[in-house]
Amino acid sequence: MAASTLRPTKLELRILKVLWDSGPSSVRDVQVVLNSEKTTGYTTVLKMLQIMTEKGLVERDESVRPQLYRSKASQ
């Protein structure tokens, strides 16, 4: 399923906004930003990014540690 045909959930949109504003980010980077708005656990953000990768909303750069995630679609 292409990213353009998906409707992201509210949390997915919050994560995408972080990636659009900050550029490629680690799970911890995303979690810190989300935590400033509403308490969000690290494992929640990790699982959401894994799901979003499967959906094609984000892509993961596994060549670096920590792995970086970036949005596949522009805002």
C-alpha atoms as a PDB file:
ATOM      1  CA  MET A   1       0.000   0.000   0.000  1.00  0.00           C
ATOM      2  CA  ALA A   2       1.468   3.363  -0.990  1.00  0.00           C
ATOM      3  CA  ALA A   3       2.016   6.024   1.670  1.00  0.00           C
ATOM      4  CA  SER A   4      -0.162   8.457  -0.265  1.00  0.00           C
ATOM      5  CA  THR A   5      -3.207   6.167   0.069  1.00  0.00           C
ATOM      6  CA  LEU A   6      -2.903   5.725   3.837  1.00  0.00           C
ATOM      7  CA  ARG A   7      -4.602   7.797   6.512  1.00  0.00           C
ATOM      8  CA  PRO A   8      -2.168   8.092   9.401  1.00  0.00           C
ATOM      9  CA  THR A   9      -3.554   7.824  12.933  1.00  0.00           C
ATOM     10  CA  LYS A  10      -3.279  10.789  15.308  1.00  0.00           C
ATOM     11  CA  LEU A  11      -0.110   9.397  16.893  1.00  0.00           C
ATOM     12  CA  GLU A  12       1.372   8.620  13.472  1.00  0.00           C
ATOM     13  CA  LEU A  13       0.691  12.223  12.426  1.00  0.00           C
ATOM     14  CA  ARG A  14       2.401  13.503  15.586  1.00  0.00           C
ATOM     15  CA  ILE A  15       5.437  11.344  14.792  1.00  0.00           C
ATOM     16  CA  LEU A  16       5.463  12.471  11.150  1.00  0.00           C
ATOM     17  CA  LYS A  17       5.343  16.104  12.284  1.00  0.00           C
ATOM     18  CA  VAL A  18       8.432  15.523  14.433  1.00  0.00           C
ATOM     19  CA  LEU A  19      10.237  13.951  11.470  1.00  0.00           C
ATOM     20  CA  TRP A  20       9.170  16.777   9.132  1.00  0.00           C
ATOM     21  CA  ASP A  21      10.317  19.432  11.606  1.00  0.00           C
ATOM     22  CA  SER A  22      13.525  17.727  12.791  1.00  0.00           C
ATOM     23  CA  GLY A  23      14.581  15.649   9.812  1.00  0.00           C
ATOM     24  CA  PRO A  24      15.956  12.104  10.212  1.00  0.00           C
ATOM     25  CA  SER A  25      15.697  11.171  13.893  1.00  0.00           C
ATOM     26  CA  SER A  26      16.300   8.277  16.250  1.00  0.00           C
ATOM     27  CA  VAL A  27      13.505   6.729  18.303  1.00  0.00           C
ATOM     28  CA  ARG A  28      14.855   8.554  21.374  1.00  0.00           C
ATOM     29  CA  ASP A  29      14.866  11.915  19.518  1.00  0.00           C
ATOM     30  CA  VAL A  30      11.226  11.459  18.498  1.00  0.00           C
ATOM     31  CA  GLN A  31      10.248  10.312  21.986  1.00  0.00           C
ATOM     32  CA  VAL A  32      11.848  13.366  23.643  1.00  0.00           C
ATOM     33  CA  VAL A  33       9.874  15.736  21.400  1.00  0.00           C
ATOM     34  CA  LEU A  34       6.601  13.849  21.902  1.00  0.00           C
ATOM     35  CA  ASN A  35       7.202  13.770  25.669  1.00  0.00           C
ATOM     36  CA  SER A  36       7.339  17.564  25.735  1.00  0.00           C
ATOM     37  CA  GLU A  37       3.697  17.596  24.555  1.00  0.00           C
ATOM     38  CA  LYS A  38       2.311  14.455  26.239  1.00  0.00           C
ATOM     39  CA  THR A  39       3.980  11.605  28.114  1.00  0.00           C
ATOM     40  CA  THR A  40       4.871   8.950  25.551  1.00  0.00           C
ATOM     41  CA  GLY A  41       6.932   5.839  26.299  1.00  0.00           C
ATOM     42  CA  TYR A  42      10.031   4.876  24.366  1.00  0.00           C
ATOM     43  CA  THR A  43       8.654   1.431  23.498  1.00  0.00           C
ATOM     44  CA  THR A  44       5.430   3.004  22.221  1.00  0.00           C
ATOM     45  CA  VAL A  45       7.368   5.250  19.849  1.00  0.00           C
ATOM     46  CA  LEU A  46       9.581   2.343  18.753  1.00  0.00           C
ATOM     47  CA  LYS A  47       6.573   0.117  17.992  1.00  0.00           C
ATOM     48  CA  MET A  48       4.780   2.929  16.139  1.00  0.00           C
ATOM     49  CA  LEU A  49       7.859   3.597  13.994  1.00  0.00           C
ATOM     50  CA  GLN A  50       8.112  -0.135  13.219  1.00  0.00           C
ATOM     51  CA  ILE A  51       4.448  -0.186  12.169  1.00  0.00           C
ATOM     52  CA  MET A  52       4.893   3.009  10.150  1.00  0.00           C
ATOM     53  CA  THR A  53       7.888   1.439   8.384  1.00  0.00           C
ATOM     54  CA  GLU A  54       5.764  -1.584   7.434  1.00  0.00           C
ATOM     55  CA  LYS A  55       3.008   0.740   6.173  1.00  0.00           C
ATOM     56  CA  GLY A  56       5.515   2.674   4.058  1.00  0.00           C
ATOM     57  CA  LEU A  57       5.060   5.965   5.918  1.00  0.00           C
ATOM     58  CA  VAL A  58       8.677   6.147   7.078  1.00  0.00           C
ATOM     59  CA  GLU A  59      11.956   4.520   6.150  1.00  0.00           C
ATOM     60  CA  ARG A  60      14.690   3.316   8.488  1.00  0.00           C
ATOM     61  CA  ASP A  61      18.420   3.859   7.937  1.00  0.00           C
ATOM     62  CA  GLU A  62      20.002   0.736   9.403  1.00  0.00           C
ATOM     63  CA  SER A  63      23.543   1.702   8.365  1.00  0.00           C
ATOM     64  CA  VAL A  64      23.996   3.892  11.459  1.00  0.00           C
ATOM     65  CA  ARG A  65      23.477   3.420  15.184  1.00  0.00           C
ATOM     66  CA  PRO A  66      21.124   4.448  16.549  1.00  0.00           C
ATOM     67  CA  GLN A  67      18.940   3.778  13.513  1.00  0.00           C
ATOM     68  CA  LEU A  68      17.408   6.893  12.005  1.00  0.00           C
ATOM     69  CA  TYR A  69      13.864   7.221  10.707  1.00  0.00           C
ATOM     70  CA  ARG A  70      12.700   9.675   8.047  1.00  0.00           C
ATOM     71  CA  SER A  71       9.338  10.386   6.489  1.00  0.00           C
ATOM     72  CA  LYS A  72       8.837   8.970   3.007  1.00  0.00           C
ATOM     73  CA  ALA A  73       6.333  11.687   2.116  1.00  0.00           C
ATOM     74  CA  SER A  74       6.555  15.445   2.317  1.00  0.00           C
ATOM     75  CA  GLN A  75       4.271  17.369   4.594  1.00  0.00           C
END
